[in-house]
Amino acid sequence: MPILRSTEIRKMNDSEREKRLQELRVELLNHRAKVASGGALETPGRIKALKRTIARILTIKKELEHSAEVEG
């Protein structure tokens, strides 16, 4: 299950998207550190969901930048 849906990301303004992106990256870093230290995650699928959500935010960010270039 995605952490954020595409429609939710599109409704955010730029600063909200950046803030959420940083939060997700920190969470992913923490999960990866826990796995590297030999710990077991409570929800192993969370890493995959985090990576997909980060990619989704970056993709929508690029789409919006591209549409802004085309318009003006």
Protein backbone atom coordinates (compact mmCIF):
# COMPACT_ATOMS: atom_id res chain seq x y z
CA MET A 1 0.00 0.00 0.00
CA PRO A 2 1.43 3.39 -0.93
CA ILE A 3 2.26 5.85 1.78
CA LEU A 4 1.03 8.72 -0.40
CA ARG A 5 -1.15 8.48 -3.46
CA SER A 6 -0.36 10.45 -6.61
CA THR A 7 -3.46 12.60 -6.21
CA GLU A 8 -2.41 13.53 -2.67
CA ILE A 9 1.07 14.49 -3.88
CA ARG A 10 -0.32 16.62 -6.71
CA LYS A 11 -2.52 18.55 -4.24
CA MET A 12 0.52 19.55 -2.16
CA ASN A 13 2.42 22.75 -2.80
CA ASP A 14 6.17 22.69 -3.48
CA SER A 15 7.26 23.24 0.11
CA GLU A 16 4.97 20.49 1.42
CA ARG A 17 6.32 18.07 -1.19
CA GLU A 18 9.92 18.90 -0.28
CA LYS A 19 9.22 18.52 3.43
CA ARG A 20 7.52 15.15 2.94
CA LEU A 21 10.32 14.00 0.64
CA GLN A 22 12.93 14.76 3.29
CA GLU A 23 10.88 12.98 5.97
CA LEU A 24 10.59 9.87 3.80
CA ARG A 25 14.30 9.87 2.99
CA VAL A 26 15.19 10.06 6.70
CA GLU A 27 12.78 7.24 7.48
CA LEU A 28 14.28 5.11 4.69
CA LEU A 29 17.78 5.83 5.99
CA ASN A 30 16.75 4.75 9.49
CA HIS A 31 15.20 1.51 8.21
CA ARG A 32 18.28 0.71 6.12
CA ALA A 33 20.55 1.36 9.11
CA LYS A 34 18.48 -0.98 11.25
CA VAL A 35 18.71 -3.74 8.63
CA ALA A 36 22.46 -3.18 8.20
CA SER A 37 23.01 -3.52 11.93
CA GLY A 38 21.33 -6.89 11.90
CA GLY A 39 17.98 -5.86 13.30
CA ALA A 40 14.66 -7.15 12.08
CA LEU A 41 12.01 -4.77 10.82
CA GLU A 42 8.45 -4.95 12.08
CA THR A 43 7.18 -4.32 8.54
CA PRO A 44 9.66 -5.50 5.91
CA GLY A 45 7.56 -4.13 3.06
CA ARG A 46 7.92 -0.61 4.42
CA ILE A 47 11.30 -0.10 2.70
CA LYS A 48 9.79 -0.91 -0.69
CA ALA A 49 6.84 1.41 -0.03
CA LEU A 50 9.18 4.21 1.01
CA LYS A 51 11.30 3.84 -2.10
CA ARG A 52 8.23 3.85 -4.34
CA THR A 53 6.75 6.90 -2.65
CA ILE A 54 10.03 8.81 -2.93
CA ALA A 55 10.17 7.94 -6.63
CA ARG A 56 6.53 8.96 -7.05
CA ILE A 57 7.19 12.37 -5.48
CA LEU A 58 10.27 12.96 -7.62
CA THR A 59 8.40 11.93 -10.78
CA ILE A 60 5.51 14.29 -10.10
CA LYS A 61 7.97 17.05 -9.25
CA LYS A 62 9.68 16.59 -12.65
CA GLU A 63 6.32 16.51 -14.44
CA LEU A 64 5.30 19.80 -12.84
CA GLU A 65 8.65 21.41 -13.67
CA HIS A 66 8.34 20.27 -17.27
CA SER A 67 4.78 21.57 -17.61
CA ALA A 68 5.90 24.93 -16.18
CA GLU A 69 8.67 25.14 -18.81
CA VAL A 70 6.26 24.36 -21.62
CA GLU A 71 3.72 26.94 -20.47
CA GLY A 72 6.10 29.79 -20.01
